[in-house]
Amino acid sequence: MFQQPLRVKSEVILKGSDRKRLRGDLQRQWPLTTTDMLKSLIPSRAEILLYRVAVGSGREYVNVYFHQLQPIVFEHNGIVYPTVYTAWRFSNNMTIVTTWSARASDLMRGGDLPLQSLHFSSDEQQKMCQYIQPGRSCCIASPETNKSAIAVGQACLTASRMIQGVAKGTAVITMHSYGDHLWAAGCKGQPPWIMTRLPTSLKDVKEKELTIKGSKTYKSRRDGSSYGKTTLANRIF
């Protein structure tokens, strides 16, 4: 969804009533949320900016919420998704499915997660059965390379159906991933845990360049800091 540069159509400061509605949506749609998490993610007195952004061919619109120049969540067709920054910050409050490391680079290019690429452990199976629901957001991680989420998407089945061993079909529709333009609109931070093995598209060097499907090239340092100005407009455009 965010494989092309973001085009901002409008910008507003979130009102108190809208802030309350957003918290309510998160509480209903994210089963592992807590009151403290919601207060930290959407502070009562902090400025939350809502950007209406055109994606893809420009016929689809997404609401992206920013706090301190960092994208925290986005909303599409009534479903609220965490950004990878939020998934990293509140990893214990996210519903997560796992896949093999070989699938990571495809997810980062916007590819969906097929059922045959799922990889569960017994503990994860019990947890996922309880919380993952079709039509809700979930995160995708690859424990072989990193325990942090590399993508966020919409679940197509309950976890119990996924675990039953259905061989064909899509498990998660990828909406946003580490390295895309929504990630680039933030601080361009790296996943918080040390990777044991990186996909070939993201080799561990002092300075890397990410080019997503021929779009604008972004540079960032190894520590996640970016070059040049740090305004939101500079990040988006």
C-alpha atoms as a PDB file:
ATOM      1  CA  MET A   1       0.000   0.000   0.000  1.00  0.00           C
ATOM      2  CA  PHE A   2       2.841   2.425   0.770  1.00  0.00           C
ATOM      3  CA  GLN A   3       5.282   1.332  -1.904  1.00  0.00           C
ATOM      4  CA  GLN A   4       4.913   4.696  -3.675  1.00  0.00           C
ATOM      5  CA  PRO A   5       5.487   8.217  -2.300  1.00  0.00           C
ATOM      6  CA  LEU A   6       2.718   9.504  -0.049  1.00  0.00           C
ATOM      7  CA  ARG A   7       0.525  12.331  -1.367  1.00  0.00           C
ATOM      8  CA  VAL A   8      -1.047  14.372   1.403  1.00  0.00           C
ATOM      9  CA  LYS A   9      -4.534  15.673   0.613  1.00  0.00           C
ATOM     10  CA  SER A  10      -5.379  17.262   3.968  1.00  0.00           C
ATOM     11  CA  GLU A  11      -3.985  17.822   7.443  1.00  0.00           C
ATOM     12  CA  VAL A  12      -5.874  18.489  10.678  1.00  0.00           C
ATOM     13  CA  ILE A  13      -5.137  18.476  14.393  1.00  0.00           C
ATOM     14  CA  LEU A  14      -7.114  15.740  16.110  1.00  0.00           C
ATOM     15  CA  LYS A  15      -9.889  17.032  18.356  1.00  0.00           C
ATOM     16  CA  GLY A  16     -10.646  15.604  21.754  1.00  0.00           C
ATOM     17  CA  SER A  17     -13.736  13.736  20.545  1.00  0.00           C
ATOM     18  CA  ASP A  18     -11.819  12.228  17.614  1.00  0.00           C
ATOM     19  CA  ARG A  19      -8.996  11.245  19.952  1.00  0.00           C
ATOM     20  CA  LYS A  20     -11.519   9.437  22.157  1.00  0.00           C
ATOM     21  CA  ARG A  21     -13.031   7.692  19.113  1.00  0.00           C
ATOM     22  CA  LEU A  22      -9.604   6.523  17.946  1.00  0.00           C
ATOM     23  CA  ARG A  23      -8.812   5.088  21.384  1.00  0.00           C
ATOM     24  CA  GLY A  24     -12.152   3.296  21.344  1.00  0.00           C
ATOM     25  CA  ASP A  25     -11.447   1.814  17.902  1.00  0.00           C
ATOM     26  CA  LEU A  26      -8.075   0.556  19.083  1.00  0.00           C
ATOM     27  CA  GLN A  27      -9.584  -0.988  22.194  1.00  0.00           C
ATOM     28  CA  ARG A  28     -12.202  -2.840  20.125  1.00  0.00           C
ATOM     29  CA  GLN A  29      -9.919  -3.947  17.316  1.00  0.00           C
ATOM     30  CA  TRP A  30      -6.663  -4.678  19.177  1.00  0.00           C
ATOM     31  CA  PRO A  31      -7.501  -7.331  21.801  1.00  0.00           C
ATOM     32  CA  LEU A  32      -4.197  -7.015  23.678  1.00  0.00           C
ATOM     33  CA  THR A  33      -4.382  -3.276  24.326  1.00  0.00           C
ATOM     34  CA  THR A  34      -4.231  -1.882  27.844  1.00  0.00           C
ATOM     35  CA  THR A  35      -5.285   1.464  29.275  1.00  0.00           C
ATOM     36  CA  ASP A  36      -1.659   2.441  29.912  1.00  0.00           C
ATOM     37  CA  MET A  37      -0.708   1.570  26.346  1.00  0.00           C
ATOM     38  CA  LEU A  38      -3.500   3.724  24.896  1.00  0.00           C
ATOM     39  CA  LYS A  39      -2.567   6.663  27.114  1.00  0.00           C
ATOM     40  CA  SER A  40       1.060   6.357  26.028  1.00  0.00           C
ATOM     41  CA  LEU A  41       0.285   5.915  22.332  1.00  0.00           C
ATOM     42  CA  ILE A  42      -2.333   8.683  22.163  1.00  0.00           C
ATOM     43  CA  PRO A  43      -1.562  11.148  24.985  1.00  0.00           C
ATOM     44  CA  SER A  44      -4.429  13.365  26.111  1.00  0.00           C
ATOM     45  CA  ARG A  45      -2.619  16.694  25.841  1.00  0.00           C
ATOM     46  CA  ALA A  46      -0.157  15.997  23.049  1.00  0.00           C
ATOM     47  CA  GLU A  47      -0.790  17.152  19.512  1.00  0.00           C
ATOM     48  CA  ILE A  48      -1.942  14.327  17.230  1.00  0.00           C
ATOM     49  CA  LEU A  49      -2.006  15.145  13.517  1.00  0.00           C
ATOM     50  CA  LEU A  50      -4.298  13.408  11.058  1.00  0.00           C
ATOM     51  CA  TYR A  51      -3.129  13.260   7.457  1.00  0.00           C
ATOM     52  CA  ARG A  52      -5.434  12.078   4.694  1.00  0.00           C
ATOM     53  CA  VAL A  53      -3.094  10.438   2.217  1.00  0.00           C
ATOM     54  CA  ALA A  54      -3.650   9.189  -1.327  1.00  0.00           C
ATOM     55  CA  VAL A  55      -1.968   5.864  -2.051  1.00  0.00           C
ATOM     56  CA  GLY A  56      -1.423   3.716  -5.118  1.00  0.00           C
ATOM     57  CA  SER A  57      -3.078   5.188  -8.197  1.00  0.00           C
ATOM     58  CA  GLY A  58      -4.583   7.974  -6.078  1.00  0.00           C
ATOM     59  CA  ARG A  59      -8.069   6.483  -5.896  1.00  0.00           C
ATOM     60  CA  GLU A  60      -7.586   5.081  -2.405  1.00  0.00           C
ATOM     61  CA  TYR A  61      -7.240   7.195   0.719  1.00  0.00           C
ATOM     62  CA  VAL A  62      -5.761   6.331   4.084  1.00  0.00           C
ATOM     63  CA  ASN A  63      -5.912   8.246   7.364  1.00  0.00           C
ATOM     64  CA  VAL A  64      -2.457   8.360   8.937  1.00  0.00           C
ATOM     65  CA  TYR A  65      -2.035   9.590  12.511  1.00  0.00           C
ATOM     66  CA  PHE A  66       1.229  11.244  13.592  1.00  0.00           C
ATOM     67  CA  HIS A  67       2.591  12.072  17.013  1.00  0.00           C
ATOM     68  CA  GLN A  68       5.820  14.075  17.240  1.00  0.00           C
ATOM     69  CA  LEU A  69       6.476  13.623  13.484  1.00  0.00           C
ATOM     70  CA  GLN A  70       6.188   9.852  13.835  1.00  0.00           C
ATOM     71  CA  PRO A  71       3.422   7.798  12.166  1.00  0.00           C
ATOM     72  CA  ILE A  72       1.754   5.766  14.915  1.00  0.00           C
ATOM     73  CA  VAL A  73      -1.335   4.192  13.328  1.00  0.00           C
ATOM     74  CA  PHE A  74      -3.219   4.313  10.031  1.00  0.00           C
ATOM     75  CA  GLU A  75      -6.844   3.620   9.166  1.00  0.00           C
ATOM     76  CA  HIS A  76      -8.193   2.075   5.953  1.00  0.00           C
ATOM     77  CA  ASN A  77     -11.786   0.950   5.364  1.00  0.00           C
ATOM     78  CA  GLY A  78     -12.556   1.156   9.073  1.00  0.00           C
ATOM     79  CA  ILE A  79      -9.622  -1.014  10.159  1.00  0.00           C
ATOM     80  CA  VAL A  80      -6.885   0.563  12.294  1.00  0.00           C
ATOM     81  CA  TYR A  81      -3.363  -0.768  11.820  1.00  0.00           C
ATOM     82  CA  PRO A  82      -0.213  -0.065  13.849  1.00  0.00           C
ATOM     83  CA  THR A  83       2.814   1.231  12.022  1.00  0.00           C
ATOM     84  CA  VAL A  84       5.998  -0.778  12.463  1.00  0.00           C
ATOM     85  CA  TYR A  85       7.159   1.893  14.913  1.00  0.00           C
ATOM     86  CA  THR A  86       4.137   1.225  17.137  1.00  0.00           C
ATOM     87  CA  ALA A  87       4.515  -2.540  16.671  1.00  0.00           C
ATOM     88  CA  TRP A  88       8.135  -2.293  17.856  1.00  0.00           C
ATOM     89  CA  ARG A  89       7.283  -0.069  20.808  1.00  0.00           C
ATOM     90  CA  PHE A  90       4.368  -2.204  22.035  1.00  0.00           C
ATOM     91  CA  SER A  91       5.437  -5.622  20.831  1.00  0.00           C
ATOM     92  CA  ASN A  92       3.738  -7.385  23.759  1.00  0.00           C
ATOM     93  CA  ASN A  93       0.398  -5.802  22.819  1.00  0.00           C
ATOM     94  CA  MET A  94       0.405  -6.876  19.174  1.00  0.00           C
ATOM     95  CA  THR A  95      -1.106  -9.968  17.558  1.00  0.00           C
ATOM     96  CA  ILE A  96       1.706 -11.551  15.547  1.00  0.00           C
ATOM     97  CA  VAL A  97       2.110 -14.338  13.015  1.00  0.00           C
ATOM     98  CA  THR A  98       5.549 -15.624  12.102  1.00  0.00           C
ATOM     99  CA  THR A  99       7.160 -16.689   8.865  1.00  0.00           C
ATOM    100  CA  TRP A 100      10.473 -17.964   7.527  1.00  0.00           C
ATOM    101  CA  SER A 101      13.314 -15.476   7.013  1.00  0.00           C
ATOM    102  CA  ALA A 102      13.333 -16.222   3.281  1.00  0.00           C
ATOM    103  CA  ARG A 103       9.944 -14.506   3.036  1.00  0.00           C
ATOM    104  CA  ALA A 104      11.108 -11.242   4.638  1.00  0.00           C
ATOM    105  CA  SER A 105      12.366  -9.493   1.507  1.00  0.00           C
ATOM    106  CA  ASP A 106       9.127 -10.245  -0.363  1.00  0.00           C
ATOM    107  CA  LEU A 107       7.044  -8.803   2.488  1.00  0.00           C
ATOM    108  CA  MET A 108       9.189  -5.679   2.471  1.00  0.00           C
ATOM    109  CA  ARG A 109       8.361  -5.236  -1.218  1.00  0.00           C
ATOM    110  CA  GLY A 110       4.647  -5.326  -0.390  1.00  0.00           C
ATOM    111  CA  GLY A 111       3.952  -9.004  -1.048  1.00  0.00           C
ATOM    112  CA  ASP A 112       1.212 -10.784   0.891  1.00  0.00           C
ATOM    113  CA  LEU A 113       1.912 -13.668   3.274  1.00  0.00           C
ATOM    114  CA  PRO A 114       0.688 -17.016   1.865  1.00  0.00           C
ATOM    115  CA  LEU A 115      -0.559 -19.742   4.174  1.00  0.00           C
ATOM    116  CA  GLN A 116       2.250 -22.093   3.205  1.00  0.00           C
ATOM    117  CA  SER A 117       4.797 -19.549   4.489  1.00  0.00           C
ATOM    118  CA  LEU A 118       3.468 -19.524   8.062  1.00  0.00           C
ATOM    119  CA  HIS A 119       5.785 -20.844  10.731  1.00  0.00           C
ATOM    120  CA  PHE A 120       4.378 -21.351  14.247  1.00  0.00           C
ATOM    121  CA  SER A 121       5.811 -22.596  17.513  1.00  0.00           C
ATOM    122  CA  SER A 122       3.540 -24.385  19.984  1.00  0.00           C
ATOM    123  CA  ASP A 123       3.353 -21.396  22.346  1.00  0.00           C
ATOM    124  CA  GLU A 124       2.504 -19.050  19.494  1.00  0.00           C
ATOM    125  CA  GLN A 125      -0.222 -21.381  18.244  1.00  0.00           C
ATOM    126  CA  GLN A 126      -2.117 -21.181  21.532  1.00  0.00           C
ATOM    127  CA  LYS A 127      -1.849 -17.401  21.651  1.00  0.00           C
ATOM    128  CA  MET A 128      -2.782 -16.784  18.017  1.00  0.00           C
ATOM    129  CA  CYS A 129      -5.867 -19.033  18.193  1.00  0.00           C
ATOM    130  CA  GLN A 130      -7.318 -16.757  20.819  1.00  0.00           C
ATOM    131  CA  TYR A 131      -6.673 -13.341  19.320  1.00  0.00           C
ATOM    132  CA  ILE A 132      -6.268 -13.333  15.525  1.00  0.00           C
ATOM    133  CA  GLN A 133      -9.504 -12.692  13.650  1.00  0.00           C
ATOM    134  CA  PRO A 134     -10.163 -12.226   9.910  1.00  0.00           C
ATOM    135  CA  GLY A 135     -10.555  -8.611   8.884  1.00  0.00           C
ATOM    136  CA  ARG A 136      -8.405  -7.354  11.770  1.00  0.00           C
ATOM    137  CA  SER A 137      -4.854  -6.101  11.817  1.00  0.00           C
ATOM    138  CA  CYS A 138      -1.911  -8.294  12.745  1.00  0.00           C
ATOM    139  CA  CYS A 139       1.849  -8.063  12.544  1.00  0.00           C
ATOM    140  CA  ILE A 140       4.295 -10.357  10.756  1.00  0.00           C
ATOM    141  CA  ALA A 141       7.695 -11.264  12.210  1.00  0.00           C
ATOM    142  CA  SER A 142      10.523 -13.577  11.239  1.00  0.00           C
ATOM    143  CA  PRO A 143      12.192 -14.865  14.422  1.00  0.00           C
ATOM    144  CA  GLU A 144      15.053 -16.361  12.399  1.00  0.00           C
ATOM    145  CA  THR A 145      16.225 -12.835  11.548  1.00  0.00           C
ATOM    146  CA  ASN A 146      14.567 -10.635  14.167  1.00  0.00           C
ATOM    147  CA  LYS A 147      11.841 -10.843  16.759  1.00  0.00           C
ATOM    148  CA  SER A 148      10.478  -7.429  15.702  1.00  0.00           C
ATOM    149  CA  ALA A 149       7.656  -7.009  13.206  1.00  0.00           C
ATOM    150  CA  ILE A 150       8.727  -6.507   9.598  1.00  0.00           C
ATOM    151  CA  ALA A 151       5.227  -5.969   8.209  1.00  0.00           C
ATOM    152  CA  VAL A 152       1.659  -5.171   9.211  1.00  0.00           C
ATOM    153  CA  GLY A 153      -1.431  -6.411   7.451  1.00  0.00           C
ATOM    154  CA  GLN A 154      -4.979  -7.717   7.549  1.00  0.00           C
ATOM    155  CA  ALA A 155      -5.591 -11.300   8.659  1.00  0.00           C
ATOM    156  CA  CYS A 156      -7.652 -13.381   6.237  1.00  0.00           C
ATOM    157  CA  LEU A 157      -8.410 -16.300   8.572  1.00  0.00           C
ATOM    158  CA  THR A 158      -8.515 -17.078  12.258  1.00  0.00           C
ATOM    159  CA  ALA A 159      -5.286 -18.504  13.627  1.00  0.00           C
ATOM    160  CA  SER A 160      -6.993 -21.828  14.305  1.00  0.00           C
ATOM    161  CA  ARG A 161      -7.796 -22.134  10.597  1.00  0.00           C
ATOM    162  CA  MET A 162      -4.233 -21.153   9.722  1.00  0.00           C
ATOM    163  CA  ILE A 163      -2.837 -23.825  12.013  1.00  0.00           C
ATOM    164  CA  GLN A 164      -5.107 -26.508  10.572  1.00  0.00           C
ATOM    165  CA  GLY A 165      -2.664 -26.715   7.697  1.00  0.00           C
ATOM    166  CA  VAL A 166      -4.576 -25.150   4.802  1.00  0.00           C
ATOM    167  CA  ALA A 167      -2.011 -25.294   2.020  1.00  0.00           C
ATOM    168  CA  LYS A 168      -3.301 -22.650  -0.371  1.00  0.00           C
ATOM    169  CA  GLY A 169      -4.472 -19.087  -0.032  1.00  0.00           C
ATOM    170  CA  THR A 170      -3.428 -15.893   1.705  1.00  0.00           C
ATOM    171  CA  ALA A 171      -2.883 -15.714   5.444  1.00  0.00           C
ATOM    172  CA  VAL A 172      -2.242 -11.954   5.733  1.00  0.00           C
ATOM    173  CA  ILE A 173      -2.713  -9.139   3.214  1.00  0.00           C
ATOM    174  CA  THR A 174       0.297  -6.857   3.659  1.00  0.00           C
ATOM    175  CA  MET A 175      -0.623  -3.197   4.135  1.00  0.00           C
ATOM    176  CA  HIS A 176       2.639  -1.682   5.414  1.00  0.00           C
ATOM    177  CA  SER A 177       6.201  -2.868   5.919  1.00  0.00           C
ATOM    178  CA  TYR A 178       9.605  -1.895   7.221  1.00  0.00           C
ATOM    179  CA  GLY A 179      11.335   0.077   4.457  1.00  0.00           C
ATOM    180  CA  ASP A 180       8.262   1.451   2.668  1.00  0.00           C
ATOM    181  CA  HIS A 181       7.263   5.101   2.329  1.00  0.00           C
ATOM    182  CA  LEU A 182       5.181   5.177   5.502  1.00  0.00           C
ATOM    183  CA  TRP A 183       8.232   3.927   7.410  1.00  0.00           C
ATOM    184  CA  ALA A 184      10.288   6.617   5.614  1.00  0.00           C
ATOM    185  CA  ALA A 185       7.830   9.306   6.761  1.00  0.00           C
ATOM    186  CA  GLY A 186       8.968   8.613  10.323  1.00  0.00           C
ATOM    187  CA  CYS A 187      12.431   8.626  11.860  1.00  0.00           C
ATOM    188  CA  LYS A 188      13.629   5.779   9.579  1.00  0.00           C
ATOM    189  CA  GLY A 189      14.461   3.755  12.672  1.00  0.00           C
ATOM    190  CA  GLN A 190      15.681   0.184  12.527  1.00  0.00           C
ATOM    191  CA  PRO A 191      14.052  -2.825  14.232  1.00  0.00           C
ATOM    192  CA  PRO A 192      15.002  -2.673  17.923  1.00  0.00           C
ATOM    193  CA  TRP A 193      16.566  -6.115  18.299  1.00  0.00           C
ATOM    194  CA  ILE A 194      19.810  -7.392  16.807  1.00  0.00           C
ATOM    195  CA  MET A 195      19.295  -9.428  13.671  1.00  0.00           C
ATOM    196  CA  THR A 196      21.006 -12.780  13.402  1.00  0.00           C
ATOM    197  CA  ARG A 197      20.677 -12.764   9.630  1.00  0.00           C
ATOM    198  CA  LEU A 198      19.491 -10.049   7.269  1.00  0.00           C
ATOM    199  CA  PRO A 199      17.670 -10.429   3.960  1.00  0.00           C
ATOM    200  CA  THR A 200      20.048  -9.770   1.061  1.00  0.00           C
ATOM    201  CA  SER A 201      18.091  -6.587   0.265  1.00  0.00           C
ATOM    202  CA  LEU A 202      19.114  -5.062   3.617  1.00  0.00           C
ATOM    203  CA  LYS A 203      22.773  -5.898   4.213  1.00  0.00           C
ATOM    204  CA  ASP A 204      24.375  -4.610   7.380  1.00  0.00           C
ATOM    205  CA  VAL A 205      26.581  -1.714   6.315  1.00  0.00           C
ATOM    206  CA  LYS A 206      27.393   1.648   7.821  1.00  0.00           C
ATOM    207  CA  GLU A 207      25.219   3.495   5.333  1.00  0.00           C
ATOM    208  CA  LYS A 208      22.428   1.947   3.301  1.00  0.00           C
ATOM    209  CA  GLU A 209      20.096   3.053   0.566  1.00  0.00           C
ATOM    210  CA  LEU A 210      16.557   1.753   0.199  1.00  0.00           C
ATOM    211  CA  THR A 211      14.887   1.986  -3.183  1.00  0.00           C
ATOM    212  CA  ILE A 212      11.343   0.628  -3.203  1.00  0.00           C
ATOM    213  CA  LYS A 213      10.052  -0.336  -6.683  1.00  0.00           C
ATOM    214  CA  GLY A 214      11.801   2.488  -8.467  1.00  0.00           C
ATOM    215  CA  SER A 215      10.548   5.169  -6.109  1.00  0.00           C
ATOM    216  CA  LYS A 216      12.538   7.897  -4.398  1.00  0.00           C
ATOM    217  CA  THR A 217      15.750   6.676  -2.737  1.00  0.00           C
ATOM    218  CA  TYR A 218      16.099   7.307   0.992  1.00  0.00           C
ATOM    219  CA  LYS A 219      19.400   7.273   2.828  1.00  0.00           C
ATOM    220  CA  SER A 220      19.831   6.501   6.493  1.00  0.00           C
ATOM    221  CA  ARG A 221      22.693   5.798   8.824  1.00  0.00           C
ATOM    222  CA  ARG A 222      23.197   2.531  10.649  1.00  0.00           C
ATOM    223  CA  ASP A 223      21.858   4.005  13.875  1.00  0.00           C
ATOM    224  CA  GLY A 224      18.585   4.905  12.169  1.00  0.00           C
ATOM    225  CA  SER A 225      19.154   8.683  11.991  1.00  0.00           C
ATOM    226  CA  SER A 226      18.389  10.355   8.702  1.00  0.00           C
ATOM    227  CA  TYR A 227      20.191  12.942   6.609  1.00  0.00           C
ATOM    228  CA  GLY A 228      18.980  16.466   5.982  1.00  0.00           C
ATOM    229  CA  LYS A 229      15.919  18.137   7.464  1.00  0.00           C
ATOM    230  CA  THR A 230      13.590  16.249   9.741  1.00  0.00           C
ATOM    231  CA  THR A 231      10.302  17.959   8.929  1.00  0.00           C
ATOM    232  CA  LEU A 232       7.333  15.787   8.093  1.00  0.00           C
ATOM    233  CA  ALA A 233       6.966  17.347   4.658  1.00  0.00           C
ATOM    234  CA  ASN A 234      10.565  16.454   3.856  1.00  0.00           C
ATOM    235  CA  ARG A 235       9.965  12.843   4.913  1.00  0.00           C
ATOM    236  CA  ILE A 236       6.751  12.439   2.899  1.00  0.00           C
ATOM    237  CA  PHE A 237       7.821  14.182  -0.262  1.00  0.00           C
END
